[in-house]
PDB file of N, CA and C in Angstrom:
ATOM      1  N   MET A   1     -63.255  28.208 214.103  1.00  0.00           N
ATOM      2  CA  MET A   1     -63.202  27.821 212.702  1.00  0.00           C
ATOM      3  C   MET A   1     -64.430  28.376 212.002  1.00  0.00           C
ATOM      4  N   THR A   2     -64.248  28.719 210.759  1.00  0.00           N
ATOM      5  CA  THR A   2     -65.299  29.357 210.000  1.00  0.00           C
ATOM      6  C   THR A   2     -65.172  28.997 208.525  1.00  0.00           C
ATOM      7  N   THR A   3     -66.215  29.291 207.790  1.00  0.00           N
ATOM      8  CA  THR A   3     -66.164  29.070 206.344  1.00  0.00           C
ATOM      9  C   THR A   3     -65.813  30.342 205.593  1.00  0.00           C
ATOM     10  N   SER A   4     -65.937  31.501 206.246  1.00  0.00           N
ATOM     11  CA  SER A   4     -65.638  32.767 205.576  1.00  0.00           C
ATOM     12  C   SER A   4     -65.343  33.860 206.593  1.00  0.00           C
ATOM     13  N   GLU A   5     -64.781  34.962 206.103  1.00  0.00           N
ATOM     14  CA  GLU A   5     -64.510  36.100 206.987  1.00  0.00           C
ATOM     15  C   GLU A   5     -65.816  36.698 207.510  1.00  0.00           C
ATOM     16  N   ASN A   6     -66.850  36.740 206.677  1.00  0.00           N
ATOM     17  CA  ASN A   6     -68.150  37.267 207.126  1.00  0.00           C
ATOM     18  C   ASN A   6     -68.719  36.459 208.280  1.00  0.00           C
ATOM     19  N   GLU A   7     -68.531  35.166 208.255  1.00  0.00           N
ATOM     20  CA  GLU A   7     -69.003  34.316 209.339  1.00  0.00           C
ATOM     21  C   GLU A   7     -68.165  34.508 210.600  1.00  0.00           C
ATOM     22  N   ALA A   8     -66.906  34.870 210.435  1.00  0.00           N
ATOM     23  CA  ALA A   8     -66.003  35.042 211.572  1.00  0.00           C
ATOM     24  C   ALA A   8     -66.226  36.353 212.317  1.00  0.00           C
ATOM     25  N   ARG A   9     -66.754  37.366 211.647  1.00  0.00           N
ATOM     26  CA  ARG A   9     -66.888  38.692 212.256  1.00  0.00           C
ATOM     27  C   ARG A   9     -67.689  38.706 213.563  1.00  0.00           C
ATOM     28  N   PRO A  10     -68.855  38.036 213.663  1.00  0.00           N
ATOM     29  CA  PRO A  10     -69.579  38.053 214.942  1.00  0.00           C
ATOM     30  C   PRO A  10     -68.776  37.452 216.101  1.00  0.00           C
ATOM     31  N   THR A  11     -68.062  36.372 215.840  1.00  0.00           N
ATOM     32  CA  THR A  11     -67.239  35.755 216.878  1.00  0.00           C
ATOM     33  C   THR A  11     -66.105  36.697 217.280  1.00  0.00           C
ATOM     34  N   ASP A  12     -65.499  37.332 216.289  1.00  0.00           N
ATOM     35  CA  ASP A  12     -64.446  38.296 216.577  1.00  0.00           C
ATOM     36  C   ASP A  12     -64.985  39.444 217.427  1.00  0.00           C
ATOM     37  N   GLY A  13     -66.170  39.917 217.109  1.00  0.00           N
ATOM     38  CA  GLY A  13     -66.769  41.000 217.892  1.00  0.00           C
ATOM     39  C   GLY A  13     -67.025  40.600 219.328  1.00  0.00           C
ATOM     40  N   THR A  14     -67.518  39.394 219.528  1.00  0.00           N
ATOM     41  CA  THR A  14     -67.786  38.897 220.881  1.00  0.00           C
ATOM     42  C   THR A  14     -66.493  38.787 221.679  1.00  0.00           C
ATOM     43  N   LEU A  15     -65.466  38.231 221.071  1.00  0.00           N
ATOM     44  CA  LEU A  15     -64.178  38.101 221.743  1.00  0.00           C
ATOM     45  C   LEU A  15     -63.578  39.474 222.045  1.00  0.00           C
ATOM     46  N   ALA A  16     -63.678  40.392 221.091  1.00  0.00           N
ATOM     47  CA  ALA A  16     -63.121  41.736 221.289  1.00  0.00           C
ATOM     48  C   ALA A  16     -63.830  42.455 222.438  1.00  0.00           C
ATOM     49  N   ARG A  17     -65.156  42.325 222.519  1.00  0.00           N
ATOM     50  CA  ARG A  17     -65.896  42.959 223.626  1.00  0.00           C
ATOM     51  C   ARG A  17     -65.498  42.358 224.970  1.00  0.00           C
ATOM     52  N   ALA A  18     -65.321  41.050 225.026  1.00  0.00           N
ATOM     53  CA  ALA A  18     -64.892  40.411 226.283  1.00  0.00           C
ATOM     54  C   ALA A  18     -63.500  40.903 226.684  1.00  0.00           C
ATOM     55  N   CYS A  19     -62.602  41.030 225.720  1.00  0.00           N
ATOM     56  CA  CYS A  19     -61.261  41.539 226.026  1.00  0.00           C
ATOM     57  C   CYS A  19     -61.324  42.983 226.519  1.00  0.00           C
ATOM     58  N   GLU A  20     -62.166  43.788 225.885  1.00  0.00           N
ATOM     59  CA  GLU A  20     -62.309  45.176 226.334  1.00  0.00           C
ATOM     60  C   GLU A  20     -62.841  45.244 227.758  1.00  0.00           C
ATOM     61  N   THR A  21     -63.828  44.411 228.053  1.00  0.00           N
ATOM     62  CA  THR A  21     -64.453  44.420 229.375  1.00  0.00           C
ATOM     63  C   THR A  21     -63.485  43.985 230.468  1.00  0.00           C
ATOM     64  N   PHE A  22     -62.775  42.897 230.224  1.00  0.00           N
ATOM     65  CA  PHE A  22     -61.952  42.315 231.286  1.00  0.00           C
ATOM     66  C   PHE A  22     -60.478  42.697 231.223  1.00  0.00           C
ATOM     67  N   LEU A  23     -59.985  43.071 230.051  1.00  0.00           N
ATOM     68  CA  LEU A  23     -58.555  43.352 229.899  1.00  0.00           C
ATOM     69  C   LEU A  23     -58.260  44.786 229.458  1.00  0.00           C
ATOM     70  N   GLN A  24     -59.302  45.527 229.115  1.00  0.00           N
ATOM     71  CA  GLN A  24     -59.170  46.897 228.614  1.00  0.00           C
ATOM     72  C   GLN A  24     -58.287  46.962 227.356  1.00  0.00           C
ATOM     73  N   VAL A  25     -58.392  45.946 226.520  1.00  0.00           N
ATOM     74  CA  VAL A  25     -57.654  45.860 225.264  1.00  0.00           C
ATOM     75  C   VAL A  25     -58.603  45.349 224.190  1.00  0.00           C
ATOM     76  N   ARG A  26     -58.527  45.909 222.990  1.00  0.00           N
ATOM     77  CA  ARG A  26     -59.319  45.394 221.873  1.00  0.00           C
ATOM     78  C   ARG A  26     -58.352  44.838 220.825  1.00  0.00           C
ATOM     79  N   PRO A  27     -58.180  43.523 220.811  1.00  0.00           N
ATOM     80  CA  PRO A  27     -57.225  42.933 219.870  1.00  0.00           C
ATOM     81  C   PRO A  27     -57.776  42.950 218.440  1.00  0.00           C
ATOM     82  N   PRO A  28     -56.904  43.111 217.465  1.00  0.00           N
ATOM     83  CA  PRO A  28     -57.354  43.041 216.071  1.00  0.00           C
ATOM     84  C   PRO A  28     -57.607  41.585 215.669  1.00  0.00           C
ATOM     85  N   LEU A  29     -58.377  41.407 214.631  1.00  0.00           N
ATOM     86  CA  LEU A  29     -58.583  40.063 214.086  1.00  0.00           C
ATOM     87  C   LEU A  29     -57.271  39.638 213.430  1.00  0.00           C
ATOM     88  N   ALA A  30     -56.621  38.645 213.993  1.00  0.00           N
ATOM     89  CA  ALA A  30     -55.295  38.237 213.519  1.00  0.00           C
ATOM     90  C   ALA A  30     -55.371  37.281 212.330  1.00  0.00           C
ATOM     91  N   ALA A  31     -56.367  36.414 212.329  1.00  0.00           N
ATOM     92  CA  ALA A  31     -56.471  35.421 211.258  1.00  0.00           C
ATOM     93  C   ALA A  31     -57.803  34.704 211.347  1.00  0.00           C
ATOM     94  N   ILE A  32     -58.095  33.991 210.302  1.00  0.00           N
ATOM     95  CA  ILE A  32     -59.276  33.133 210.254  1.00  0.00           C
ATOM     96  C   ILE A  32     -58.791  31.719 209.978  1.00  0.00           C
ATOM     97  N   VAL A  33     -59.247  30.775 210.789  1.00  0.00           N
ATOM     98  CA  VAL A  33     -58.951  29.367 210.546  1.00  0.00           C
ATOM     99  C   VAL A  33     -60.212  28.763 209.942  1.00  0.00           C
ATOM    100  N   HIS A  34     -60.107  28.352 208.682  1.00  0.00           N
ATOM    101  CA  HIS A  34     -61.271  27.826 207.970  1.00  0.00           C
ATOM    102  C   HIS A  34     -61.673  26.455 208.510  1.00  0.00           C
ATOM    103  N   ARG A  35     -62.968  26.210 208.472  1.00  0.00           N
ATOM    104  CA  ARG A  35     -63.496  24.914 208.900  1.00  0.00           C
ATOM    105  C   ARG A  35     -62.871  23.822 208.036  1.00  0.00           C
ATOM    106  N   ASP A  36     -62.389  22.788 208.682  1.00  0.00           N
ATOM    107  CA  ASP A  36     -61.691  21.721 207.978  1.00  0.00           C
ATOM    108  C   ASP A  36     -62.006  20.396 208.668  1.00  0.00           C
ATOM    109  N   PRO A  37     -62.549  19.424 207.948  1.00  0.00           N
ATOM    110  CA  PRO A  37     -62.896  18.139 208.566  1.00  0.00           C
ATOM    111  C   PRO A  37     -61.679  17.381 209.103  1.00  0.00           C
ATOM    112  N   LEU A  38     -60.498  17.731 208.649  1.00  0.00           N
ATOM    113  CA  LEU A  38     -59.303  17.039 209.137  1.00  0.00           C
ATOM    114  C   LEU A  38     -58.955  17.418 210.570  1.00  0.00           C
ATOM    115  N   VAL A  39     -59.522  18.503 211.073  1.00  0.00           N
ATOM    116  CA  VAL A  39     -59.292  18.882 212.474  1.00  0.00           C
ATOM    117  C   VAL A  39     -59.841  17.787 213.393  1.00  0.00           C
ATOM    118  N   LYS A  40     -61.032  17.283 213.083  1.00  0.00           N
ATOM    119  CA  LYS A  40     -61.621  16.206 213.902  1.00  0.00           C
ATOM    120  C   LYS A  40     -60.725  14.976 213.909  1.00  0.00           C
ATOM    121  N   ASP A  41     -60.130  14.680 212.765  1.00  0.00           N
ATOM    122  CA  ASP A  41     -59.223  13.536 212.698  1.00  0.00           C
ATOM    123  C   ASP A  41     -58.031  13.741 213.629  1.00  0.00           C
ATOM    124  N   CYS A  42     -57.500  14.946 213.657  1.00  0.00           N
ATOM    125  CA  CYS A  42     -56.364  15.237 214.547  1.00  0.00           C
ATOM    126  C   CYS A  42     -56.757  15.122 216.014  1.00  0.00           C
ATOM    127  N   ILE A  43     -57.956  15.585 216.328  1.00  0.00           N
ATOM    128  CA  ILE A  43     -58.430  15.486 217.711  1.00  0.00           C
ATOM    129  C   ILE A  43     -58.595  14.023 218.096  1.00  0.00           C
ATOM    130  N   ARG A  44     -59.224  13.248 217.216  1.00  0.00           N
ATOM    131  CA  ARG A  44     -59.431  11.816 217.500  1.00  0.00           C
ATOM    132  C   ARG A  44     -58.105  11.091 217.733  1.00  0.00           C
ATOM    133  N   HIS A  45     -57.102  11.467 216.965  1.00  0.00           N
ATOM    134  CA  HIS A  45     -55.803  10.806 217.080  1.00  0.00           C
ATOM    135  C   HIS A  45     -54.848  11.530 218.024  1.00  0.00           C
ATOM    136  N   GLN A  46     -55.338  12.598 218.636  1.00  0.00           N
ATOM    137  CA  GLN A  46     -54.536  13.396 219.570  1.00  0.00           C
ATOM    138  C   GLN A  46     -53.175  13.734 218.967  1.00  0.00           C
ATOM    139  N   ALA A  47     -53.246  14.254 217.741  1.00  0.00           N
ATOM    140  CA  ALA A  47     -52.031  14.600 217.008  1.00  0.00           C
ATOM    141  C   ALA A  47     -52.102  16.055 216.554  1.00  0.00           C
ATOM    142  N   PRO A  48     -50.988  16.760 216.546  1.00  0.00           N
ATOM    143  CA  PRO A  48     -50.977  18.152 216.096  1.00  0.00           C
ATOM    144  C   PRO A  48     -51.369  18.266 214.619  1.00  0.00           C
ATOM    145  N   MET A  49     -52.157  19.256 214.314  1.00  0.00           N
ATOM    146  CA  MET A  49     -52.622  19.490 212.948  1.00  0.00           C
ATOM    147  C   MET A  49     -51.453  19.645 211.976  1.00  0.00           C
ATOM    148  N   LEU A  50     -50.462  20.427 212.384  1.00  0.00           N
ATOM    149  CA  LEU A  50     -49.345  20.705 211.480  1.00  0.00           C
ATOM    150  C   LEU A  50     -48.454  19.486 211.255  1.00  0.00           C
ATOM    151  N   THR A  51     -48.577  18.481 212.107  1.00  0.00           N
ATOM    152  CA  THR A  51     -47.814  17.244 211.939  1.00  0.00           C
ATOM    153  C   THR A  51     -48.609  16.209 211.157  1.00  0.00           C
ATOM    154  N   ARG A  52     -49.866  16.007 211.566  1.00  0.00           N
ATOM    155  CA  ARG A  52     -50.682  14.956 210.955  1.00  0.00           C
ATOM    156  C   ARG A  52     -51.164  15.317 209.548  1.00  0.00           C
ATOM    157  N   HIS A  53     -51.591  16.557 209.357  1.00  0.00           N
ATOM    158  CA  HIS A  53     -52.109  16.998 208.057  1.00  0.00           C
ATOM    159  C   HIS A  53     -51.523  18.365 207.710  1.00  0.00           C
ATOM    160  N   PRO A  54     -50.231  18.438 207.432  1.00  0.00           N
ATOM    161  CA  PRO A  54     -49.576  19.731 207.236  1.00  0.00           C
ATOM    162  C   PRO A  54     -50.072  20.515 206.019  1.00  0.00           C
ATOM    163  N   ASN A  55     -50.708  19.861 205.071  1.00  0.00           N
ATOM    164  CA  ASN A  55     -51.187  20.551 203.874  1.00  0.00           C
ATOM    165  C   ASN A  55     -52.686  20.845 203.911  1.00  0.00           C
ATOM    166  N   ALA A  56     -53.318  20.565 205.035  1.00  0.00           N
ATOM    167  CA  ALA A  56     -54.753  20.825 205.162  1.00  0.00           C
ATOM    168  C   ALA A  56     -55.010  22.334 205.192  1.00  0.00           C
ATOM    169  N   THR A  57     -56.218  22.721 204.847  1.00  0.00           N
ATOM    170  CA  THR A  57     -56.592  24.135 204.835  1.00  0.00           C
ATOM    171  C   THR A  57     -56.370  24.778 206.199  1.00  0.00           C
ATOM    172  N   ALA A  58     -56.836  24.137 207.257  1.00  0.00           N
ATOM    173  CA  ALA A  58     -56.675  24.698 208.604  1.00  0.00           C
ATOM    174  C   ALA A  58     -55.197  24.790 208.980  1.00  0.00           C
ATOM    175  N   ALA A  59     -54.407  23.815 208.581  1.00  0.00           N
ATOM    176  CA  ALA A  59     -52.968  23.850 208.880  1.00  0.00           C
ATOM    177  C   ALA A  59     -52.306  25.027 208.176  1.00  0.00           C
ATOM    178  N   THR A  60     -52.697  25.274 206.942  1.00  0.00           N
ATOM    179  CA  THR A  60     -52.160  26.418 206.201  1.00  0.00           C
ATOM    180  C   THR A  60     -52.539  27.719 206.889  1.00  0.00           C
ATOM    181  N   ASP A  61     -53.789  27.821 207.345  1.00  0.00           N
ATOM    182  CA  ASP A  61     -54.233  29.022 208.062  1.00  0.00           C
ATOM    183  C   ASP A  61     -53.429  29.233 209.344  1.00  0.00           C
ATOM    184  N   ILE A  62     -53.200  28.171 210.092  1.00  0.00           N
ATOM    185  CA  ILE A  62     -52.436  28.251 211.343  1.00  0.00           C
ATOM    186  C   ILE A  62     -50.991  28.654 211.046  1.00  0.00           C
ATOM    187  N   HIS A  63     -50.422  28.061 210.020  1.00  0.00           N
ATOM    188  CA  HIS A  63     -49.046  28.384 209.631  1.00  0.00           C
ATOM    189  C   HIS A  63     -48.937  29.864 209.232  1.00  0.00           C
ATOM    190  N   ASN A  64     -49.900  30.358 208.452  1.00  0.00           N
ATOM    191  CA  ASN A  64     -49.886  31.766 208.045  1.00  0.00           C
ATOM    192  C   ASN A  64     -50.039  32.694 209.233  1.00  0.00           C
ATOM    193  N   LEU A  65     -50.865  32.327 210.203  1.00  0.00           N
ATOM    194  CA  LEU A  65     -51.025  33.117 211.420  1.00  0.00           C
ATOM    195  C   LEU A  65     -49.696  33.173 212.174  1.00  0.00           C
ATOM    196  N   ALA A  66     -49.061  32.040 212.354  1.00  0.00           N
ATOM    197  CA  ALA A  66     -47.779  31.999 213.077  1.00  0.00           C
ATOM    198  C   ALA A  66     -46.735  32.846 212.371  1.00  0.00           C
ATOM    199  N   ARG A  67     -46.700  32.775 211.056  1.00  0.00           N
ATOM    200  CA  ARG A  67     -45.732  33.567 210.288  1.00  0.00           C
ATOM    201  C   ARG A  67     -45.998  35.060 210.453  1.00  0.00           C
ATOM    202  N   ALA A  68     -47.272  35.456 210.427  1.00  0.00           N
ATOM    203  CA  ALA A  68     -47.627  36.869 210.599  1.00  0.00           C
ATOM    204  C   ALA A  68     -47.264  37.357 212.005  1.00  0.00           C
ATOM    205  N   LEU A  69     -47.520  36.539 213.015  1.00  0.00           N
ATOM    206  CA  LEU A  69     -47.186  36.917 214.381  1.00  0.00           C
ATOM    207  C   LEU A  69     -45.679  37.014 214.581  1.00  0.00           C
ATOM    208  N   ALA A  70     -44.937  36.121 213.963  1.00  0.00           N
ATOM    209  CA  ALA A  70     -43.484  36.150 214.086  1.00  0.00           C
ATOM    210  C   ALA A  70     -42.883  37.384 213.411  1.00  0.00           C
ATOM    211  N   ALA A  71     -43.557  37.863 212.379  1.00  0.00           N
ATOM    212  CA  ALA A  71     -43.051  39.026 211.647  1.00  0.00           C
ATOM    213  C   ALA A  71     -43.280  40.326 212.409  1.00  0.00           C
ATOM    214  N   GLU A  72     -44.196  40.308 213.376  1.00  0.00           N
ATOM    215  CA  GLU A  72     -44.502  41.543 214.131  1.00  0.00           C
ATOM    216  C   GLU A  72     -43.440  41.901 215.112  1.00  0.00           C
TER     217      GLU A  72
END
């Protein structure tokens, strides 16, 4: 989770390097899930984000990622 794409880039780079090292694949950045305080609520209640808070920012990001992956 991140607050912006600029903040996400270092994490994406670290993950991409690990994938290159161990899997010989460099995956593209598929999406950014923005930091959302409602995620903690879902964890505390052991409930899926898209069920408990379907209109939350993080839920929207997850939904958009799933839609993009399904379109590929």
